[in-house]
Protein backbone atom coordinates (compact mmCIF):
# COMPACT_ATOMS: atom_id res chain seq x y z
CA GLU A 1 87.05 -28.09 6.41
CA GLU A 2 87.70 -24.56 3.87
CA GLU A 3 89.57 -26.74 1.44
CA THR A 4 86.99 -29.61 1.58
CA GLN A 5 84.38 -26.93 0.80
CA LEU A 6 86.26 -24.97 -1.87
CA TYR A 7 86.88 -28.84 -3.61
CA LYS A 8 83.34 -29.15 -3.36
CA GLN A 9 82.40 -26.04 -4.95
CA VAL A 10 84.71 -26.28 -7.83
CA GLN A 11 83.60 -29.60 -7.97
CA HIS A 12 79.93 -27.91 -8.43
CA LEU A 13 81.73 -25.61 -10.82
CA ASP A 14 82.53 -27.64 -13.18
CA LYS A 15 79.68 -29.62 -13.47
CA THR A 16 77.63 -26.47 -14.46
CA LEU A 17 80.14 -25.18 -16.70
CA THR A 18 80.50 -28.69 -18.48
CA SER A 19 76.57 -28.86 -18.91
CA MET A 20 76.53 -25.30 -19.99
CA TYR A 21 79.19 -26.01 -22.51
CA LYS A 22 76.70 -28.50 -24.52
CA ASP A 23 74.19 -25.95 -24.88
CA ASP A 24 75.68 -22.58 -24.65
CA LYS A 25 79.32 -22.59 -24.61
CA GLN A 26 79.45 -18.74 -25.23
CA ALA A 27 77.48 -19.03 -21.72
CA ALA A 28 79.91 -21.15 -20.29
CA LEU A 29 82.76 -19.24 -21.03
CA ASN A 30 81.82 -16.02 -19.62
CA MET A 31 80.40 -17.85 -16.11
CA ALA A 32 84.22 -19.13 -15.84
CA ALA A 33 85.49 -15.70 -16.79
CA ASP A 34 83.11 -14.33 -13.96
CA TYR A 35 84.27 -16.96 -11.60
CA SER A 36 87.86 -16.21 -12.00
CA TYR A 37 87.32 -12.65 -11.45
CA GLY A 38 85.43 -12.71 -8.56
CA GLN A 39 88.20 -15.45 -7.07
CA LEU A 40 90.91 -13.06 -7.83
CA LYS A 41 89.26 -10.22 -6.69
CA ARG A 42 88.26 -12.32 -3.13
CA THR A 43 92.23 -13.00 -2.88
CA LEU A 44 93.40 -9.55 -3.48
CA SER A 45 90.75 -8.38 -0.57
CA MET A 46 92.44 -10.98 1.97
CA ALA A 47 95.86 -9.93 0.75
CA THR A 48 95.15 -6.28 1.48
CA GLU A 49 93.36 -7.19 4.68
CA LEU A 50 96.48 -9.33 5.47
CA ARG A 51 98.97 -6.69 4.60
CA TYR A 52 97.14 -3.87 6.46
CA LYS A 53 96.84 -6.65 9.82
CA MET A 54 100.70 -7.54 9.43
CA MET A 55 101.51 -3.40 9.13
CA THR A 56 99.13 -2.30 12.21
CA ASP A 57 101.10 -5.19 14.30
CA LEU A 58 104.64 -4.29 12.92
CA THR A 59 103.92 -0.67 13.91
CA LYS A 60 102.49 -1.54 17.49
CA SER A 61 105.54 -4.11 18.39
CA THR A 62 108.35 -1.16 17.85
CA GLU A 63 107.96 2.47 19.72
CA LYS A 64 109.62 4.13 16.63
CA LYS A 65 106.94 6.82 14.85
CA TYR A 66 107.87 6.80 11.23
CA SER A 67 107.88 9.68 9.43
CA GLU A 68 104.96 10.70 6.58
CA GLU A 69 107.68 9.66 3.99
CA GLU A 70 108.53 6.30 5.64
CA PHE A 71 104.71 5.57 6.28
CA LYS A 72 103.81 6.00 2.66
CA LYS A 73 106.88 3.92 1.57
CA ILE A 74 105.67 1.02 3.72
CA MET A 75 102.09 1.14 2.63
CA SER A 76 103.24 1.43 -0.71
CA LEU A 77 104.81 -2.05 -1.03
């Protein structure tokens, strides 16, 4: 379902950029760059959220208490 939606979005974006490129090449390039940057930010946000969830799950699954130094090291991964 999500893959299908993403595929449709990419198809729409491709058509939009192709059309824009014929009229205004720079605007099309700017739009493509903005889209790519937005996707990168979204992916980074998802990865960060997943990392925090994994770290929380790891912490909950053990009774060991981390020292402040160990915790900082883990969080910097």
